[in-house]
Amino acid sequence: MTGTEPNDIPLQPIGVVSGGRTEAIDDQWGDVTATIVLDDRFGVDALAGLDEFSHVEVVFQFHLVDEDDIQPGSRHPRGRTDWPEVGIFAQRARMRPNRIGVTVCELIAVEGRNIAVRGLDAIDGSPVLDLKPHMVEFERRGPARQPDWATELMRTYW
């Protein structure tokens, strides 16, 4: 045992989203541009080589979701009763237990401690928990499947 209990996960944001949207609107994120600003703990060397990648994976917190709005069970995605009721872990809704979002974004530029991205579905002020370069080899292996409601939901997301 390392002294850290399983329920004690110390996380500290590495930076913050600046710009882009100020409201969590469900669709049309594809052309939204924003900047991720790393905090002062990191020098520019922390981003060395990132600009060689076309995309970056951003892990962030849905910081404006109130604890009372978290939905740990099942629900109809977007409240649409014509779609099936599915568990929170079968959807990517922001009202999740730890309010964590993950998105693969287009990397526009790296300047100093600033990372300009396109297609990040986080809003201005969102804490960024981690960044990873997007590598093709980490994508799915083999064919992927998803239900029809998910395809319909995502049709206008980007």
C-alpha atoms as a PDB file:
ATOM      1  CA  MET A   1       0.000   0.000   0.000  1.00  0.00           C
ATOM      2  CA  THR A   2       1.339   3.433  -0.905  1.00  0.00           C
ATOM      3  CA  GLY A   3      -0.543   5.312   1.795  1.00  0.00           C
ATOM      4  CA  THR A   4      -3.090   6.652  -0.679  1.00  0.00           C
ATOM      5  CA  GLU A   5      -6.520   5.174  -0.102  1.00  0.00           C
ATOM      6  CA  PRO A   6      -8.433   3.982  -3.214  1.00  0.00           C
ATOM      7  CA  ASN A   7     -11.058   6.715  -2.744  1.00  0.00           C
ATOM      8  CA  ASP A   8      -8.450   9.462  -2.381  1.00  0.00           C
ATOM      9  CA  ILE A   9      -7.458  10.570  -5.874  1.00  0.00           C
ATOM     10  CA  PRO A  10      -5.629  13.874  -5.629  1.00  0.00           C
ATOM     11  CA  LEU A  11      -6.113  15.762  -8.889  1.00  0.00           C
ATOM     12  CA  GLN A  12      -4.942  19.262  -9.602  1.00  0.00           C
ATOM     13  CA  PRO A  13      -5.783  20.926 -12.905  1.00  0.00           C
ATOM     14  CA  ILE A  14      -2.798  21.527 -15.165  1.00  0.00           C
ATOM     15  CA  GLY A  15      -4.423  24.527 -16.797  1.00  0.00           C
ATOM     16  CA  VAL A  16      -7.640  26.102 -17.924  1.00  0.00           C
ATOM     17  CA  VAL A  17      -9.652  26.577 -21.110  1.00  0.00           C
ATOM     18  CA  SER A  18      -9.639  30.172 -22.294  1.00  0.00           C
ATOM     19  CA  GLY A  19     -12.037  31.418 -24.940  1.00  0.00           C
ATOM     20  CA  GLY A  20     -14.414  29.410 -27.029  1.00  0.00           C
ATOM     21  CA  ARG A  21     -17.952  29.058 -25.740  1.00  0.00           C
ATOM     22  CA  THR A  22     -19.217  30.352 -22.418  1.00  0.00           C
ATOM     23  CA  GLU A  23     -22.234  28.024 -22.311  1.00  0.00           C
ATOM     24  CA  ALA A  24     -22.456  24.254 -22.632  1.00  0.00           C
ATOM     25  CA  ILE A  25     -24.589  24.053 -25.766  1.00  0.00           C
ATOM     26  CA  ASP A  26     -25.095  20.504 -27.049  1.00  0.00           C
ATOM     27  CA  ASP A  27     -24.204  20.850 -30.749  1.00  0.00           C
ATOM     28  CA  GLN A  28     -22.021  22.522 -33.364  1.00  0.00           C
ATOM     29  CA  TRP A  29     -18.651  22.218 -31.595  1.00  0.00           C
ATOM     30  CA  GLY A  30     -16.593  21.462 -34.706  1.00  0.00           C
ATOM     31  CA  ASP A  31     -15.522  25.019 -35.509  1.00  0.00           C
ATOM     32  CA  VAL A  32     -15.197  26.258 -31.916  1.00  0.00           C
ATOM     33  CA  THR A  33     -11.648  27.399 -31.175  1.00  0.00           C
ATOM     34  CA  ALA A  34     -10.197  27.847 -27.703  1.00  0.00           C
ATOM     35  CA  THR A  35      -6.850  28.027 -25.973  1.00  0.00           C
ATOM     36  CA  ILE A  36      -5.645  25.794 -23.185  1.00  0.00           C
ATOM     37  CA  VAL A  37      -3.367  27.776 -20.882  1.00  0.00           C
ATOM     38  CA  LEU A  38      -1.028  25.705 -18.721  1.00  0.00           C
ATOM     39  CA  ASP A  39      -0.451  26.997 -15.221  1.00  0.00           C
ATOM     40  CA  ASP A  40       2.835  28.340 -13.875  1.00  0.00           C
ATOM     41  CA  ARG A  41       4.041  24.949 -12.618  1.00  0.00           C
ATOM     42  CA  PHE A  42       4.931  24.067 -16.204  1.00  0.00           C
ATOM     43  CA  GLY A  43       7.580  25.564 -18.410  1.00  0.00           C
ATOM     44  CA  VAL A  44       7.389  25.621 -22.185  1.00  0.00           C
ATOM     45  CA  ASP A  45       9.470  22.437 -22.211  1.00  0.00           C
ATOM     46  CA  ALA A  46       6.418  20.518 -20.956  1.00  0.00           C
ATOM     47  CA  LEU A  47       4.918  21.026 -24.430  1.00  0.00           C
ATOM     48  CA  ALA A  48       8.083  20.301 -26.437  1.00  0.00           C
ATOM     49  CA  GLY A  49       7.195  18.151 -29.456  1.00  0.00           C
ATOM     50  CA  LEU A  50       3.419  18.429 -29.042  1.00  0.00           C
ATOM     51  CA  ASP A  51       3.220  20.649 -32.130  1.00  0.00           C
ATOM     52  CA  GLU A  52       4.278  17.665 -34.274  1.00  0.00           C
ATOM     53  CA  PHE A  53       0.864  16.082 -33.691  1.00  0.00           C
ATOM     54  CA  SER A  54      -2.301  17.042 -35.558  1.00  0.00           C
ATOM     55  CA  HIS A  55      -4.606  16.274 -32.624  1.00  0.00           C
ATOM     56  CA  VAL A  56      -4.518  16.302 -28.837  1.00  0.00           C
ATOM     57  CA  GLU A  57      -6.682  14.487 -26.304  1.00  0.00           C
ATOM     58  CA  VAL A  58      -7.962  16.822 -23.606  1.00  0.00           C
ATOM     59  CA  VAL A  59      -9.233  15.623 -20.238  1.00  0.00           C
ATOM     60  CA  PHE A  60     -11.250  18.321 -18.492  1.00  0.00           C
ATOM     61  CA  GLN A  61     -13.891  18.880 -15.864  1.00  0.00           C
ATOM     62  CA  PHE A  62     -17.454  20.007 -16.542  1.00  0.00           C
ATOM     63  CA  HIS A  63     -16.992  22.582 -13.792  1.00  0.00           C
ATOM     64  CA  LEU A  64     -20.394  24.272 -14.104  1.00  0.00           C
ATOM     65  CA  VAL A  65     -22.377  21.073 -13.508  1.00  0.00           C
ATOM     66  CA  ASP A  66     -23.769  21.328  -9.998  1.00  0.00           C
ATOM     67  CA  GLU A  67     -23.316  18.291  -7.741  1.00  0.00           C
ATOM     68  CA  ASP A  68     -27.121  18.121  -7.417  1.00  0.00           C
ATOM     69  CA  ASP A  69     -27.436  17.709 -11.204  1.00  0.00           C
ATOM     70  CA  ILE A  70     -25.272  14.592 -11.368  1.00  0.00           C
ATOM     71  CA  GLN A  71     -27.252  11.642 -12.693  1.00  0.00           C
ATOM     72  CA  PRO A  72     -25.704   8.369 -11.506  1.00  0.00           C
ATOM     73  CA  GLY A  73     -28.371   6.097 -12.999  1.00  0.00           C
ATOM     74  CA  SER A  74     -30.159   5.900 -16.311  1.00  0.00           C
ATOM     75  CA  ARG A  75     -31.895   8.555 -18.376  1.00  0.00           C
ATOM     76  CA  HIS A  76     -33.080   9.304 -21.876  1.00  0.00           C
ATOM     77  CA  PRO A  77     -30.187  11.082 -23.652  1.00  0.00           C
ATOM     78  CA  ARG A  78     -31.064  14.778 -24.006  1.00  0.00           C
ATOM     79  CA  GLY A  79     -34.458  14.006 -22.472  1.00  0.00           C
ATOM     80  CA  ARG A  80     -35.669  12.448 -25.733  1.00  0.00           C
ATOM     81  CA  THR A  81     -38.155   9.738 -24.859  1.00  0.00           C
ATOM     82  CA  ASP A  82     -37.965   8.407 -28.443  1.00  0.00           C
ATOM     83  CA  TRP A  83     -34.419   7.281 -27.556  1.00  0.00           C
ATOM     84  CA  PRO A  84     -33.922   4.459 -25.057  1.00  0.00           C
ATOM     85  CA  GLU A  85     -33.239   5.080 -21.403  1.00  0.00           C
ATOM     86  CA  VAL A  86     -29.582   4.179 -20.905  1.00  0.00           C
ATOM     87  CA  GLY A  87     -27.152   4.311 -18.002  1.00  0.00           C
ATOM     88  CA  ILE A  88     -24.837   7.279 -17.492  1.00  0.00           C
ATOM     89  CA  PHE A  89     -21.873   5.072 -18.486  1.00  0.00           C
ATOM     90  CA  ALA A  90     -23.540   4.270 -21.829  1.00  0.00           C
ATOM     91  CA  GLN A  91     -23.523   7.949 -22.816  1.00  0.00           C
ATOM     92  CA  ARG A  92     -21.163  10.925 -22.715  1.00  0.00           C
ATOM     93  CA  ALA A  93     -23.400  13.385 -20.862  1.00  0.00           C
ATOM     94  CA  ARG A  94     -21.802  16.084 -18.732  1.00  0.00           C
ATOM     95  CA  MET A  95     -23.889  15.175 -15.640  1.00  0.00           C
ATOM     96  CA  ARG A  96     -21.597  12.232 -14.895  1.00  0.00           C
ATOM     97  CA  PRO A  97     -20.417  11.242 -11.407  1.00  0.00           C
ATOM     98  CA  ASN A  98     -16.971  12.875 -11.637  1.00  0.00           C
ATOM     99  CA  ARG A  99     -17.955  15.468 -14.247  1.00  0.00           C
ATOM    100  CA  ILE A 100     -14.982  14.497 -16.430  1.00  0.00           C
ATOM    101  CA  GLY A 101     -14.950  15.070 -20.182  1.00  0.00           C
ATOM    102  CA  VAL A 102     -12.520  13.706 -22.754  1.00  0.00           C
ATOM    103  CA  THR A 103     -12.245  15.052 -26.295  1.00  0.00           C
ATOM    104  CA  VAL A 104      -9.891  14.605 -29.221  1.00  0.00           C
ATOM    105  CA  CYS A 105      -9.325  18.079 -30.717  1.00  0.00           C
ATOM    106  CA  GLU A 106      -7.478  19.464 -33.675  1.00  0.00           C
ATOM    107  CA  LEU A 107      -4.221  21.038 -32.545  1.00  0.00           C
ATOM    108  CA  ILE A 108      -3.878  24.455 -34.188  1.00  0.00           C
ATOM    109  CA  ALA A 109      -0.750  25.834 -32.514  1.00  0.00           C
ATOM    110  CA  VAL A 110       1.510  25.657 -29.492  1.00  0.00           C
ATOM    111  CA  GLU A 111       2.905  28.996 -28.334  1.00  0.00           C
ATOM    112  CA  GLY A 112       4.678  29.171 -24.999  1.00  0.00           C
ATOM    113  CA  ARG A 113       2.343  27.547 -22.464  1.00  0.00           C
ATOM    114  CA  ASN A 114      -0.711  28.054 -24.712  1.00  0.00           C
ATOM    115  CA  ILE A 115      -2.258  25.323 -26.840  1.00  0.00           C
ATOM    116  CA  ALA A 116      -4.751  26.511 -29.476  1.00  0.00           C
ATOM    117  CA  VAL A 117      -7.335  23.853 -30.382  1.00  0.00           C
ATOM    118  CA  ARG A 118     -10.437  23.429 -32.525  1.00  0.00           C
ATOM    119  CA  GLY A 119     -13.375  21.199 -31.609  1.00  0.00           C
ATOM    120  CA  LEU A 120     -12.942  21.136 -27.838  1.00  0.00           C
ATOM    121  CA  ASP A 121     -16.387  20.758 -26.255  1.00  0.00           C
ATOM    122  CA  ALA A 122     -15.335  22.396 -22.990  1.00  0.00           C
ATOM    123  CA  ILE A 123     -16.258  25.956 -22.121  1.00  0.00           C
ATOM    124  CA  ASP A 124     -14.283  29.019 -21.081  1.00  0.00           C
ATOM    125  CA  GLY A 125     -12.942  28.460 -17.573  1.00  0.00           C
ATOM    126  CA  SER A 126     -13.076  24.651 -17.637  1.00  0.00           C
ATOM    127  CA  PRO A 127     -10.236  23.107 -15.613  1.00  0.00           C
ATOM    128  CA  VAL A 128      -7.958  20.948 -17.779  1.00  0.00           C
ATOM    129  CA  LEU A 129      -6.821  17.815 -15.955  1.00  0.00           C
ATOM    130  CA  ASP A 130      -4.496  16.345 -18.576  1.00  0.00           C
ATOM    131  CA  LEU A 131      -3.333  16.491 -22.190  1.00  0.00           C
ATOM    132  CA  LYS A 132      -2.123  13.625 -24.344  1.00  0.00           C
ATOM    133  CA  PRO A 133      -1.002  13.580 -27.960  1.00  0.00           C
ATOM    134  CA  HIS A 134      -3.485  11.704 -30.118  1.00  0.00           C
ATOM    135  CA  MET A 135      -1.810   8.654 -31.617  1.00  0.00           C
ATOM    136  CA  VAL A 136      -3.580   6.619 -34.281  1.00  0.00           C
ATOM    137  CA  GLU A 137      -2.437   3.383 -32.675  1.00  0.00           C
ATOM    138  CA  PHE A 138      -4.523   4.159 -29.574  1.00  0.00           C
ATOM    139  CA  GLU A 139      -7.730   4.348 -31.604  1.00  0.00           C
ATOM    140  CA  ARG A 140     -10.060   1.393 -31.734  1.00  0.00           C
ATOM    141  CA  ARG A 141      -8.721  -1.956 -32.877  1.00  0.00           C
ATOM    142  CA  GLY A 142     -11.167  -3.628 -35.194  1.00  0.00           C
ATOM    143  CA  PRO A 143     -14.670  -2.544 -36.176  1.00  0.00           C
ATOM    144  CA  ALA A 144     -16.688  -0.348 -33.825  1.00  0.00           C
ATOM    145  CA  ARG A 145     -20.433  -0.427 -33.222  1.00  0.00           C
ATOM    146  CA  GLN A 146     -22.898   1.898 -31.567  1.00  0.00           C
ATOM    147  CA  PRO A 147     -26.683   2.139 -31.322  1.00  0.00           C
ATOM    148  CA  ASP A 148     -28.681   4.164 -33.839  1.00  0.00           C
ATOM    149  CA  TRP A 149     -29.695   6.772 -31.223  1.00  0.00           C
ATOM    150  CA  ALA A 150     -26.010   7.613 -30.628  1.00  0.00           C
ATOM    151  CA  THR A 151     -25.383   8.102 -34.351  1.00  0.00           C
ATOM    152  CA  GLU A 152     -28.431  10.375 -34.545  1.00  0.00           C
ATOM    153  CA  LEU A 153     -27.351  12.352 -31.466  1.00  0.00           C
ATOM    154  CA  MET A 154     -23.861  12.931 -32.889  1.00  0.00           C
ATOM    155  CA  ARG A 155     -25.075  13.915 -36.374  1.00  0.00           C
ATOM    156  CA  THR A 156     -24.960  17.658 -35.521  1.00  0.00           C
ATOM    157  CA  TYR A 157     -22.533  17.569 -32.585  1.00  0.00           C
ATOM    158  CA  TRP A 158     -19.467  18.560 -34.601  1.00  0.00           C
END
